[in-house]
């Protein structure tokens, strides 16, 4: 199974901590595909947890 590794900063979440246009749709497509989704953030684990909660 392939991996999809995504840095959430400025990909799914903008510089103000808001979801970027199309983020939910893109994530839904990735979840439906046969891949393991791996999210990362240079801002650290706490920020990644917050960002991930926006995508649920």
N, C-alpha and C. Protein backbone atom coordinates (compact mmCIF):
# COMPACT_ATOMS: atom_id res chain seq x y z
N UNK A 1 0.85 -1.17 0.00
CA UNK A 1 0.00 0.00 0.00
C UNK A 1 0.90 1.25 0.00
N UNK A 2 0.66 2.19 -0.90
CA UNK A 2 1.48 3.41 -0.93
C UNK A 2 1.14 4.34 0.23
N UNK A 3 2.08 5.22 0.54
CA UNK A 3 1.88 6.23 1.57
C UNK A 3 1.61 7.58 0.93
N UNK A 4 0.79 8.38 1.58
CA UNK A 4 0.59 9.78 1.21
C UNK A 4 1.02 10.59 2.43
N UNK A 5 2.19 11.21 2.36
CA UNK A 5 2.74 11.99 3.48
C UNK A 5 2.52 13.47 3.19
N UNK A 6 1.82 14.15 4.07
CA UNK A 6 1.44 15.54 3.82
C UNK A 6 1.80 16.41 5.01
N UNK A 7 2.48 17.50 4.72
CA UNK A 7 2.76 18.55 5.70
C UNK A 7 1.50 19.42 5.74
N UNK A 8 0.83 19.50 6.89
CA UNK A 8 -0.44 20.23 6.95
C UNK A 8 -0.27 21.74 6.87
N UNK A 9 0.89 22.26 7.32
CA UNK A 9 1.11 23.70 7.32
C UNK A 9 1.10 24.25 5.90
N UNK A 10 0.20 25.16 5.64
CA UNK A 10 0.03 25.82 4.34
C UNK A 10 -0.38 24.86 3.23
N UNK A 11 -0.73 23.62 3.60
CA UNK A 11 -1.30 22.68 2.64
C UNK A 11 -2.79 22.55 2.91
N UNK A 12 -3.14 22.11 4.11
CA UNK A 12 -4.54 22.02 4.53
C UNK A 12 -4.95 23.20 5.40
N UNK A 13 -3.98 23.78 6.11
CA UNK A 13 -4.27 24.86 7.06
C UNK A 13 -3.43 26.08 6.68
N UNK A 14 -4.08 27.26 6.64
CA UNK A 14 -3.35 28.47 6.25
C UNK A 14 -2.58 29.07 7.42
N UNK A 15 -1.91 30.20 7.18
CA UNK A 15 -1.06 30.83 8.21
C UNK A 15 -1.85 31.37 9.40
N UNK A 16 -3.19 31.47 9.26
CA UNK A 16 -4.04 31.93 10.36
C UNK A 16 -4.69 30.76 11.11
N UNK A 17 -4.33 29.53 10.74
CA UNK A 17 -4.90 28.36 11.40
C UNK A 17 -6.28 27.98 10.88
N UNK A 18 -6.64 28.52 9.72
CA UNK A 18 -7.93 28.22 9.10
C UNK A 18 -7.74 27.20 7.99
N UNK A 19 -8.77 26.39 7.76
CA UNK A 19 -8.71 25.43 6.67
C UNK A 19 -8.63 26.15 5.33
N UNK A 20 -7.79 25.65 4.47
CA UNK A 20 -7.67 26.22 3.12
C UNK A 20 -8.81 25.69 2.25
N UNK A 21 -9.21 26.46 1.24
CA UNK A 21 -10.26 25.99 0.34
C UNK A 21 -9.89 24.64 -0.28
N UNK A 22 -10.84 23.73 -0.27
CA UNK A 22 -10.64 22.41 -0.87
C UNK A 22 -9.98 21.39 0.04
N UNK A 23 -9.62 21.79 1.26
CA UNK A 23 -8.90 20.87 2.17
C UNK A 23 -9.74 19.64 2.51
N UNK A 24 -10.98 19.84 2.87
CA UNK A 24 -11.85 18.71 3.24
C UNK A 24 -12.06 17.79 2.05
N UNK A 25 -12.30 18.35 0.88
CA UNK A 25 -12.51 17.54 -0.31
C UNK A 25 -11.26 16.72 -0.65
N UNK A 26 -10.10 17.36 -0.57
CA UNK A 26 -8.85 16.66 -0.87
C UNK A 26 -8.61 15.52 0.12
N UNK A 27 -8.85 15.79 1.39
CA UNK A 27 -8.66 14.76 2.41
C UNK A 27 -9.64 13.61 2.20
N UNK A 28 -10.86 13.92 1.83
CA UNK A 28 -11.86 12.88 1.57
C UNK A 28 -11.41 11.97 0.42
N UNK A 29 -10.84 12.57 -0.62
CA UNK A 29 -10.34 11.77 -1.75
C UNK A 29 -9.18 10.88 -1.31
N UNK A 30 -8.30 11.43 -0.48
CA UNK A 30 -7.17 10.62 -0.01
C UNK A 30 -7.64 9.48 0.88
N UNK A 31 -8.61 9.75 1.74
CA UNK A 31 -9.14 8.69 2.62
C UNK A 31 -9.81 7.59 1.81
N UNK A 32 -10.40 7.92 0.68
CA UNK A 32 -11.08 6.93 -0.15
C UNK A 32 -10.10 6.13 -1.01
N UNK A 33 -8.88 6.62 -1.14
CA UNK A 33 -7.90 5.92 -1.98
C UNK A 33 -7.19 4.83 -1.17
N UNK A 34 -6.60 3.87 -1.87
CA UNK A 34 -5.90 2.79 -1.17
C UNK A 34 -4.48 3.22 -0.76
N UNK A 35 -4.40 4.12 0.22
CA UNK A 35 -3.09 4.55 0.70
C UNK A 35 -3.14 4.79 2.21
N UNK A 36 -1.98 4.79 2.80
CA UNK A 36 -1.87 5.13 4.22
C UNK A 36 -1.59 6.63 4.28
N UNK A 37 -2.45 7.35 4.98
CA UNK A 37 -2.33 8.80 5.07
C UNK A 37 -1.51 9.17 6.30
N UNK A 38 -0.43 9.91 6.08
CA UNK A 38 0.46 10.34 7.16
C UNK A 38 0.52 11.86 7.15
N UNK A 39 0.09 12.49 8.24
CA UNK A 39 0.12 13.95 8.35
C UNK A 39 1.29 14.36 9.22
N UNK A 40 1.91 15.48 8.86
CA UNK A 40 3.03 16.00 9.63
C UNK A 40 2.95 17.51 9.74
N UNK A 41 3.70 18.06 10.71
CA UNK A 41 3.75 19.51 10.89
C UNK A 41 5.08 19.90 11.50
N UNK A 42 5.72 20.89 10.90
CA UNK A 42 6.96 21.41 11.46
C UNK A 42 6.71 22.17 12.76
N UNK A 43 5.46 22.53 13.01
CA UNK A 43 5.10 23.29 14.21
C UNK A 43 4.97 22.40 15.45
N UNK A 44 5.07 21.11 15.29
CA UNK A 44 5.05 20.21 16.44
C UNK A 44 3.77 19.41 16.59
N UNK A 45 3.80 18.49 17.52
CA UNK A 45 2.72 17.53 17.71
C UNK A 45 1.42 18.19 18.17
N UNK A 46 1.50 19.17 19.05
CA UNK A 46 0.29 19.83 19.54
C UNK A 46 -0.44 20.56 18.40
N UNK A 47 0.32 21.26 17.57
CA UNK A 47 -0.27 21.95 16.42
C UNK A 47 -0.85 20.95 15.43
N UNK A 48 -0.15 19.85 15.21
CA UNK A 48 -0.63 18.82 14.30
C UNK A 48 -1.94 18.24 14.81
N UNK A 49 -2.04 18.01 16.10
CA UNK A 49 -3.28 17.48 16.68
C UNK A 49 -4.42 18.48 16.45
N UNK A 50 -4.15 19.77 16.69
CA UNK A 50 -5.16 20.80 16.45
C UNK A 50 -5.55 20.82 14.97
N UNK A 51 -4.58 20.84 14.08
CA UNK A 51 -4.85 20.89 12.64
C UNK A 51 -5.64 19.68 12.18
N UNK A 52 -5.30 18.52 12.70
CA UNK A 52 -6.00 17.29 12.33
C UNK A 52 -7.45 17.33 12.79
N UNK A 53 -7.70 17.95 13.94
CA UNK A 53 -9.07 18.03 14.44
C UNK A 53 -9.95 18.88 13.51
N UNK A 54 -9.36 19.86 12.83
CA UNK A 54 -10.11 20.68 11.87
C UNK A 54 -10.56 19.86 10.67
N UNK A 55 -9.81 18.82 10.36
CA UNK A 55 -10.08 18.02 9.16
C UNK A 55 -11.09 16.92 9.39
N UNK A 56 -11.44 16.65 10.64
CA UNK A 56 -12.41 15.59 10.93
C UNK A 56 -13.84 16.05 10.70
